[in-house]
Amino acid sequence: MKRNLIGRIGIYFLLWLILSFFLLYLYYDSKAPFWNQFLVTLIVTAMTYPLAYYAARVLVPRFLYHKRIRDYIVSVLLAAFVNTILTYFIAGGIYGLLSSKPVFTSGSYLLIVSSFLFIINCIVAGISSAIQIINDHFGMEHQLYEAQNEKIRAELSYLRAQINPHFLFNVLNTIYFQINKENSEARNSVEILSGMLRYQLYECNTDMIDISSELAYIRNYVAIQQLRMEPGTDLKVMIPDVIDTFKIAPLIILPLIENAFKYLSNIKDSSQNKLYITFNNGDDSCFIVQVMNTFSDFAVQPNSSNGLGLKNMKRRLELLYPGAHSLVTERIGNIFKVTLKIQKHD
């Protein structure tokens, strides 16, 4: 991204350098002071910058990317016209102060110069729009490449985790049958762990998975974590009775919950240790996850780069949900809250 920014700045710098020399050559008057002409040339060139920015960063995404070509053309022409008038009065006024005469004469020459400035403005707007489109195109290709690499890395991670999975399941089954039948809690824990392992090894090897399956896994994860928590800890998992049907990237939510358990406070009065996990359907387009937990002052700061471990999750969200998510963190006293909104996929 930094390389793309430097390259774009270099292209714009070259564009305005060429434009400056062209204008200076075109309107050079040996009878007039050179530095006065040079200053006016710089002003005229600088006046094209707001137009270039407006065309590239506003008109292109608003109109061209939505195939509203006519609106784009009309907006460019109008912006170029306004910029031509502003350039005439600003450059002409400054030149008049420096040389006691207007930079542009009246009559037909004024019309020619104004028309030429208008054409220059239109060309600059068109070139800046083209640069923006090309940059966005390569940016999307780079993002797609990164997403594909992320997918490959995830698949490799799954493969590394699948070290003889049948052996692991056989061990769990053996442990299950070795547990006394009267110890239903231990047997239930083994069943939950077996289900979680099966989900990670077999069901997560797809790009998207049903939200219901992801929530079932999270319920099991919370149930296992609850086994090692102090009795009386204020733990709540709130899931609506009816969840919209949509697809979600597997295990995309789990890091929030993992880190909440990791940095949960360890107050002697266990009822003061709070962890609330809330899922909300949101509107028709997004799904909302909110995780809130208390943390101890002596623990690693949860909003630091190495605190709640959100850095990798943010990167994954950028790759899998570009422009289709928001992740907001808040710290109020000893309470840390994370709100994640993800756009729903059919």
Protein backbone atom coordinates (compact mmCIF):
# COMPACT_ATOMS: atom_id res chain seq x y z
CA MET A 1 0.00 0.00 0.00
CA LYS A 2 2.86 2.38 0.84
CA ARG A 3 4.51 1.61 -2.50
CA ASN A 4 1.23 2.34 -4.33
CA LEU A 5 0.90 5.67 -2.52
CA ILE A 6 4.45 6.70 -3.40
CA GLY A 7 3.90 5.68 -7.02
CA ARG A 8 0.66 7.66 -7.24
CA ILE A 9 2.30 10.75 -5.73
CA GLY A 10 5.15 10.39 -8.23
CA ILE A 11 2.74 10.22 -11.17
CA TYR A 12 0.84 13.30 -9.99
CA PHE A 13 4.11 15.18 -9.42
CA LEU A 14 5.27 14.35 -12.94
CA LEU A 15 1.88 15.38 -14.34
CA TRP A 16 1.97 18.80 -12.68
CA LEU A 17 5.63 19.30 -13.56
CA ILE A 18 4.85 18.73 -17.25
CA LEU A 19 1.81 20.99 -17.00
CA SER A 20 3.85 23.77 -15.36
CA PHE A 21 6.55 23.72 -18.04
CA PHE A 22 3.91 23.56 -20.77
CA LEU A 23 2.03 26.60 -19.44
CA LEU A 24 5.23 28.53 -18.86
CA TYR A 25 6.40 27.79 -22.41
CA LEU A 26 3.01 28.61 -23.91
CA TYR A 27 2.51 31.96 -22.20
CA TYR A 28 6.12 33.06 -21.84
CA ASP A 29 6.55 36.75 -22.54
CA SER A 30 10.13 38.00 -22.80
CA LYS A 31 8.96 41.52 -21.99
CA ALA A 32 7.45 40.50 -18.65
CA PRO A 33 9.42 39.57 -15.49
CA PHE A 34 10.17 35.84 -15.54
CA TRP A 35 9.44 35.23 -11.86
CA ASN A 36 6.03 36.87 -12.14
CA GLN A 37 5.16 34.49 -14.96
CA PHE A 38 6.64 31.56 -13.04
CA LEU A 39 4.54 32.37 -9.97
CA VAL A 40 1.34 32.62 -12.00
CA THR A 41 2.17 29.32 -13.70
CA LEU A 42 2.57 27.64 -10.30
CA ILE A 43 -0.75 29.10 -9.15
CA VAL A 44 -2.57 27.89 -12.26
CA THR A 45 -1.01 24.45 -11.84
CA ALA A 46 -1.81 24.32 -8.11
CA MET A 47 -5.43 25.24 -8.85
CA THR A 48 -5.82 21.99 -10.76
CA TYR A 49 -5.03 19.93 -7.63
CA PRO A 50 -8.44 20.35 -5.89
CA LEU A 51 -10.15 19.50 -9.17
CA ALA A 52 -7.98 16.40 -9.65
CA TYR A 53 -8.67 15.26 -6.08
CA TYR A 54 -12.41 15.89 -6.41
CA ALA A 55 -12.64 14.01 -9.70
CA ALA A 56 -10.58 11.03 -8.52
CA ARG A 57 -11.74 10.58 -4.94
CA VAL A 58 -15.36 11.77 -5.18
CA LEU A 59 -16.71 11.58 -8.73
CA VAL A 60 -15.08 8.28 -9.71
CA PRO A 61 -16.43 6.20 -6.78
CA ARG A 62 -19.76 8.04 -6.73
CA PHE A 63 -20.56 7.89 -10.45
CA LEU A 64 -18.17 5.82 -12.58
CA TYR A 65 -18.15 2.81 -10.24
CA HIS A 66 -21.95 2.86 -10.38
CA LYS A 67 -21.98 3.21 -14.19
CA ARG A 68 -23.46 6.72 -14.02
CA ILE A 69 -21.25 8.00 -16.82
CA ARG A 70 -23.47 10.92 -17.81
CA ASP A 71 -23.55 12.23 -14.23
CA TYR A 72 -19.77 11.90 -14.09
CA ILE A 73 -19.25 13.88 -17.33
CA VAL A 74 -21.66 16.63 -16.28
CA SER A 75 -20.01 16.90 -12.86
CA VAL A 76 -16.52 17.07 -14.38
CA LEU A 77 -17.56 19.79 -16.84
CA LEU A 78 -19.23 21.80 -14.08
CA ALA A 79 -16.26 21.43 -11.73
CA ALA A 80 -13.84 22.36 -14.54
CA PHE A 81 -15.93 25.45 -15.36
CA VAL A 82 -15.97 26.61 -11.74
CA ASN A 83 -12.25 25.94 -11.38
CA THR A 84 -11.54 27.92 -14.57
CA ILE A 85 -13.33 30.98 -13.17
CA LEU A 86 -11.54 30.69 -9.83
CA THR A 87 -8.18 30.28 -11.57
CA TYR A 88 -8.77 33.34 -13.72
CA PHE A 89 -9.61 35.62 -10.79
CA ILE A 90 -6.94 34.28 -8.40
CA ALA A 91 -4.06 34.05 -10.90
CA GLY A 92 -5.10 37.23 -12.67
CA GLY A 93 -5.45 39.12 -9.41
CA ILE A 94 -2.02 38.08 -8.13
CA TYR A 95 -0.36 38.86 -11.47
CA GLY A 96 -2.07 42.25 -11.47
CA LEU A 97 -0.65 43.03 -8.03
CA LEU A 98 2.84 42.05 -9.16
CA SER A 99 2.94 43.78 -12.55
CA SER A 100 0.15 46.38 -12.33
CA LYS A 101 -1.58 44.84 -15.34
CA PRO A 102 -3.92 41.88 -15.83
CA VAL A 103 -2.41 38.56 -16.80
CA PHE A 104 -5.10 38.01 -19.42
CA THR A 105 -6.33 40.72 -21.75
CA SER A 106 -9.97 41.21 -22.58
CA GLY A 107 -11.85 40.35 -25.72
CA SER A 108 -11.19 37.37 -27.95
CA TYR A 109 -7.85 36.58 -26.27
CA LEU A 110 -9.60 36.26 -22.91
CA LEU A 111 -12.07 33.83 -24.45
CA ILE A 112 -9.25 31.78 -25.97
CA VAL A 113 -7.29 31.66 -22.70
CA SER A 114 -10.38 30.78 -20.65
CA SER A 115 -11.33 28.05 -23.09
CA PHE A 116 -7.79 26.70 -22.97
CA LEU A 117 -7.84 26.66 -19.14
CA PHE A 118 -11.19 24.89 -19.23
CA ILE A 119 -9.79 22.22 -21.56
CA ILE A 120 -6.70 21.84 -19.34
CA ASN A 121 -8.95 21.37 -16.30
CA CYS A 122 -11.01 18.73 -18.11
CA ILE A 123 -7.84 16.89 -19.17
CA VAL A 124 -6.45 16.98 -15.61
CA ALA A 125 -9.76 15.67 -14.23
CA GLY A 126 -9.77 12.88 -16.81
CA ILE A 127 -6.15 11.88 -16.16
CA SER A 128 -6.61 11.90 -12.37
CA SER A 129 -9.75 9.78 -12.76
CA ALA A 130 -7.84 7.30 -14.93
CA ILE A 131 -5.01 7.14 -12.37
CA GLN A 132 -7.55 6.47 -9.60
CA ILE A 133 -9.26 3.71 -11.58
CA ILE A 134 -5.94 2.03 -12.42
CA ASN A 135 -4.77 2.32 -8.81
CA ASP A 136 -8.03 0.86 -7.49
CA HIS A 137 -7.83 -1.96 -10.01
CA PHE A 138 -4.33 -2.95 -8.94
CA GLY A 139 -5.32 -2.45 -5.31
CA MET A 140 -8.21 -4.88 -5.72
CA GLU A 141 -5.92 -7.38 -7.44
CA HIS A 142 -3.43 -7.09 -4.58
CA GLN A 143 -6.24 -7.51 -2.05
CA LEU A 144 -7.51 -10.58 -3.89
CA TYR A 145 -3.98 -11.98 -3.95
CA GLU A 146 -3.65 -11.41 -0.20
CA ALA A 147 -7.04 -13.02 0.42
CA GLN A 148 -6.01 -16.07 -1.61
CA ASN A 149 -2.76 -16.29 0.35
CA GLU A 150 -4.69 -16.00 3.59
CA LYS A 151 -6.93 -18.82 2.46
CA ILE A 152 -3.91 -20.97 1.60
CA ARG A 153 -2.30 -20.24 4.97
CA ALA A 154 -5.54 -21.12 6.74
CA GLU A 155 -5.82 -24.36 4.80
CA LEU A 156 -2.22 -25.22 5.70
CA SER A 157 -2.99 -24.51 9.34
CA TYR A 158 -5.98 -26.84 9.19
CA LEU A 159 -3.82 -29.52 7.56
CA ARG A 160 -1.17 -29.18 10.24
CA ALA A 161 -3.88 -29.57 12.86
CA GLN A 162 -5.18 -32.71 11.19
CA ILE A 163 -2.40 -34.95 12.51
CA ASN A 164 -4.09 -38.31 12.43
CA PRO A 165 -7.52 -36.96 13.52
CA HIS A 166 -8.96 -40.46 13.69
CA PHE A 167 -6.39 -41.23 16.36
CA LEU A 168 -7.54 -38.21 18.37
CA PHE A 169 -11.18 -39.21 18.08
CA ASN A 170 -10.35 -42.78 19.08
CA VAL A 171 -8.50 -41.47 22.14
CA LEU A 172 -11.47 -39.30 23.10
CA ASN A 173 -13.84 -42.24 22.66
CA THR A 174 -11.55 -44.40 24.81
CA ILE A 175 -11.48 -41.74 27.53
CA TYR A 176 -15.24 -41.38 27.27
CA PHE A 177 -15.87 -45.08 27.92
CA GLN A 178 -13.28 -45.16 30.71
CA ILE A 179 -15.17 -42.51 32.61
CA ASN A 180 -17.62 -43.86 35.15
CA LYS A 181 -21.15 -43.73 33.76
CA GLU A 182 -22.27 -41.94 36.88
CA ASN A 183 -19.89 -39.09 36.07
CA SER A 184 -22.17 -37.53 33.47
CA GLU A 185 -20.47 -34.13 33.62
CA ALA A 186 -17.10 -35.54 32.58
CA ARG A 187 -18.68 -37.59 29.79
CA ASN A 188 -20.55 -34.53 28.57
CA SER A 189 -17.31 -32.51 28.52
CA VAL A 190 -15.61 -35.16 26.38
CA GLU A 191 -18.58 -35.16 23.98
CA ILE A 192 -18.42 -31.38 23.67
CA LEU A 193 -14.67 -31.45 23.07
CA SER A 194 -15.09 -34.16 20.44
CA GLY A 195 -17.74 -32.08 18.67
CA MET A 196 -15.52 -29.00 18.69
CA LEU A 197 -12.62 -30.97 17.25
CA ARG A 198 -14.82 -32.42 14.53
CA TYR A 199 -16.06 -28.93 13.63
CA GLN A 200 -12.54 -27.50 13.32
CA LEU A 201 -11.17 -30.42 11.34
CA TYR A 202 -13.99 -31.17 8.94
CA GLU A 203 -16.56 -28.35 8.78
CA CYS A 204 -14.23 -25.34 8.66
CA ASN A 205 -12.51 -26.31 5.40
CA THR A 206 -14.84 -24.05 3.41
CA ASP A 207 -14.79 -20.31 2.70
CA MET A 208 -18.16 -19.75 4.35
CA ILE A 209 -20.25 -21.68 6.85
CA ASP A 210 -23.78 -21.35 8.25
CA ILE A 211 -23.98 -18.94 11.17
CA SER A 212 -25.95 -21.54 13.13
CA SER A 213 -22.98 -23.94 13.01
CA GLU A 214 -20.59 -21.19 14.10
CA LEU A 215 -22.82 -20.25 17.03
CA ALA A 216 -23.14 -23.89 18.07
CA TYR A 217 -19.34 -24.13 18.17
CA ILE A 218 -19.12 -20.95 20.24
CA ARG A 219 -21.67 -22.33 22.71
CA ASN A 220 -19.52 -25.43 23.12
CA TYR A 221 -16.37 -23.33 23.50
CA VAL A 222 -17.98 -21.25 26.25
CA ALA A 223 -19.21 -24.43 27.97
CA ILE A 224 -15.66 -25.84 28.05
CA GLN A 225 -14.20 -22.56 29.29
CA GLN A 226 -16.83 -22.36 31.99
CA LEU A 227 -15.51 -25.59 33.52
CA ARG A 228 -12.32 -23.86 34.67
CA MET A 229 -13.96 -20.65 35.88
CA GLU A 230 -14.60 -19.79 39.49
CA PRO A 231 -18.17 -20.53 40.59
CA GLY A 232 -20.26 -17.38 40.66
CA THR A 233 -18.52 -15.67 37.74
CA ASP A 234 -21.03 -13.46 35.93
CA LEU A 235 -21.00 -15.11 32.49
CA LYS A 236 -23.81 -14.52 30.03
CA VAL A 237 -24.18 -15.60 26.40
CA MET A 238 -27.15 -13.91 24.74
CA ILE A 239 -28.30 -15.30 21.40
CA PRO A 240 -31.67 -14.38 19.82
CA ASP A 241 -34.23 -17.15 19.63
CA VAL A 242 -34.39 -16.62 15.87
CA ILE A 243 -31.14 -16.10 13.95
CA ASP A 244 -31.16 -14.94 10.33
CA THR A 245 -29.87 -17.53 7.88
CA PHE A 246 -26.60 -16.42 6.30
CA LYS A 247 -23.01 -17.53 5.75
CA ILE A 248 -19.97 -16.37 7.71
CA ALA A 249 -16.22 -17.02 7.52
CA PRO A 250 -15.47 -19.92 9.90
CA LEU A 251 -13.93 -19.07 13.27
CA ILE A 252 -13.93 -15.33 12.47
CA ILE A 253 -15.70 -14.44 15.74
CA LEU A 254 -13.87 -16.81 18.07
CA PRO A 255 -10.73 -14.64 18.69
CA LEU A 256 -12.88 -12.00 20.40
CA ILE A 257 -14.26 -14.58 22.82
CA GLU A 258 -10.92 -16.33 23.34
CA ASN A 259 -9.24 -13.09 24.35
CA ALA A 260 -12.12 -12.07 26.60
CA PHE A 261 -11.63 -15.31 28.56
CA LYS A 262 -7.86 -14.86 28.50
CA TYR A 263 -7.93 -11.37 30.00
CA LEU A 264 -10.99 -11.80 32.22
CA SER A 265 -10.37 -10.26 35.63
CA ASN A 266 -9.61 -12.51 38.60
CA ILE A 267 -11.26 -10.60 41.42
CA LYS A 268 -11.58 -12.48 44.70
CA ASP A 269 -15.32 -11.85 44.73
CA SER A 270 -16.05 -13.93 41.62
CA SER A 271 -19.38 -12.19 41.04
CA GLN A 272 -17.38 -9.07 40.11
CA ASN A 273 -15.75 -10.92 37.21
CA LYS A 274 -18.08 -10.26 34.30
CA LEU A 275 -18.11 -11.56 30.73
CA TYR A 276 -21.07 -10.83 28.47
CA ILE A 277 -21.29 -12.16 24.91
CA THR A 278 -24.16 -10.81 22.83
CA PHE A 279 -25.22 -11.73 19.31
CA ASN A 280 -27.70 -9.58 17.44
CA ASN A 281 -29.32 -9.89 14.03
CA GLY A 282 -28.87 -6.16 13.49
CA ASP A 283 -30.59 -4.93 10.34
CA ASP A 284 -31.08 -6.79 7.07
CA SER A 285 -27.46 -6.30 6.02
CA CYS A 286 -25.28 -6.83 9.10
CA PHE A 287 -24.77 -9.17 12.05
CA ILE A 288 -23.56 -7.73 15.35
CA VAL A 289 -21.33 -9.37 17.95
CA GLN A 290 -20.52 -7.61 21.21
CA VAL A 291 -18.10 -8.97 23.81
CA MET A 292 -17.63 -7.20 27.14
CA ASN A 293 -15.38 -8.30 29.99
CA THR A 294 -13.80 -6.93 33.14
CA PHE A 295 -10.01 -7.01 33.34
CA SER A 296 -7.43 -6.45 36.06
CA ASP A 297 -5.23 -3.35 36.13
CA PHE A 298 -2.08 -5.44 36.39
CA ALA A 299 -2.95 -7.43 33.25
CA VAL A 300 -1.67 -6.53 29.78
CA GLN A 301 -3.63 -3.56 28.52
CA PRO A 302 -6.39 -5.04 26.34
CA ASN A 303 -6.37 -2.15 23.90
CA SER A 304 -2.64 -2.43 23.19
CA SER A 305 -1.18 -4.14 20.15
CA ASN A 306 -0.35 -7.25 22.16
CA GLY A 307 -3.37 -7.09 24.46
CA LEU A 308 -6.48 -8.77 23.20
CA GLY A 309 -4.72 -10.12 20.15
CA LEU A 310 -7.02 -8.29 17.77
CA LYS A 311 -4.29 -7.46 15.26
CA ASN A 312 -4.49 -10.74 13.36
CA MET A 313 -8.27 -10.70 13.46
CA LYS A 314 -8.33 -7.18 12.01
CA ARG A 315 -6.07 -8.33 9.19
CA ARG A 316 -8.31 -11.30 8.44
CA LEU A 317 -11.40 -9.09 8.46
CA GLU A 318 -9.71 -6.68 6.03
CA LEU A 319 -9.00 -9.56 3.65
CA LEU A 320 -12.29 -11.44 3.93
CA TYR A 321 -14.68 -8.53 4.53
CA PRO A 322 -13.15 -5.48 2.78
CA GLY A 323 -15.45 -2.53 3.33
CA ALA A 324 -18.07 -4.87 4.80
CA HIS A 325 -17.26 -4.80 8.50
CA SER A 326 -16.52 -2.55 11.44
CA LEU A 327 -14.60 -3.36 14.62
CA VAL A 328 -14.86 -0.90 17.50
CA THR A 329 -13.05 -1.26 20.84
CA GLU A 330 -13.89 0.69 23.99
CA ARG A 331 -12.31 0.81 27.42
CA ILE A 332 -14.33 2.22 30.33
CA GLY A 333 -12.58 1.81 33.66
CA ASN A 334 -11.85 -1.89 34.07
CA ILE A 335 -14.34 -2.89 31.38
CA PHE A 336 -13.26 -3.66 27.83
CA LYS A 337 -15.86 -3.90 25.10
CA VAL A 338 -15.52 -4.96 21.47
CA THR A 339 -18.30 -4.54 18.93
CA LEU A 340 -18.02 -6.33 15.59
CA LYS A 341 -20.40 -5.74 12.71
CA ILE A 342 -20.17 -8.06 9.71
CA GLN A 343 -22.10 -7.80 6.47
CA LYS A 344 -24.26 -10.85 5.91
CA HIS A 345 -23.56 -13.22 3.02
CA ASP A 346 -26.31 -15.34 1.51
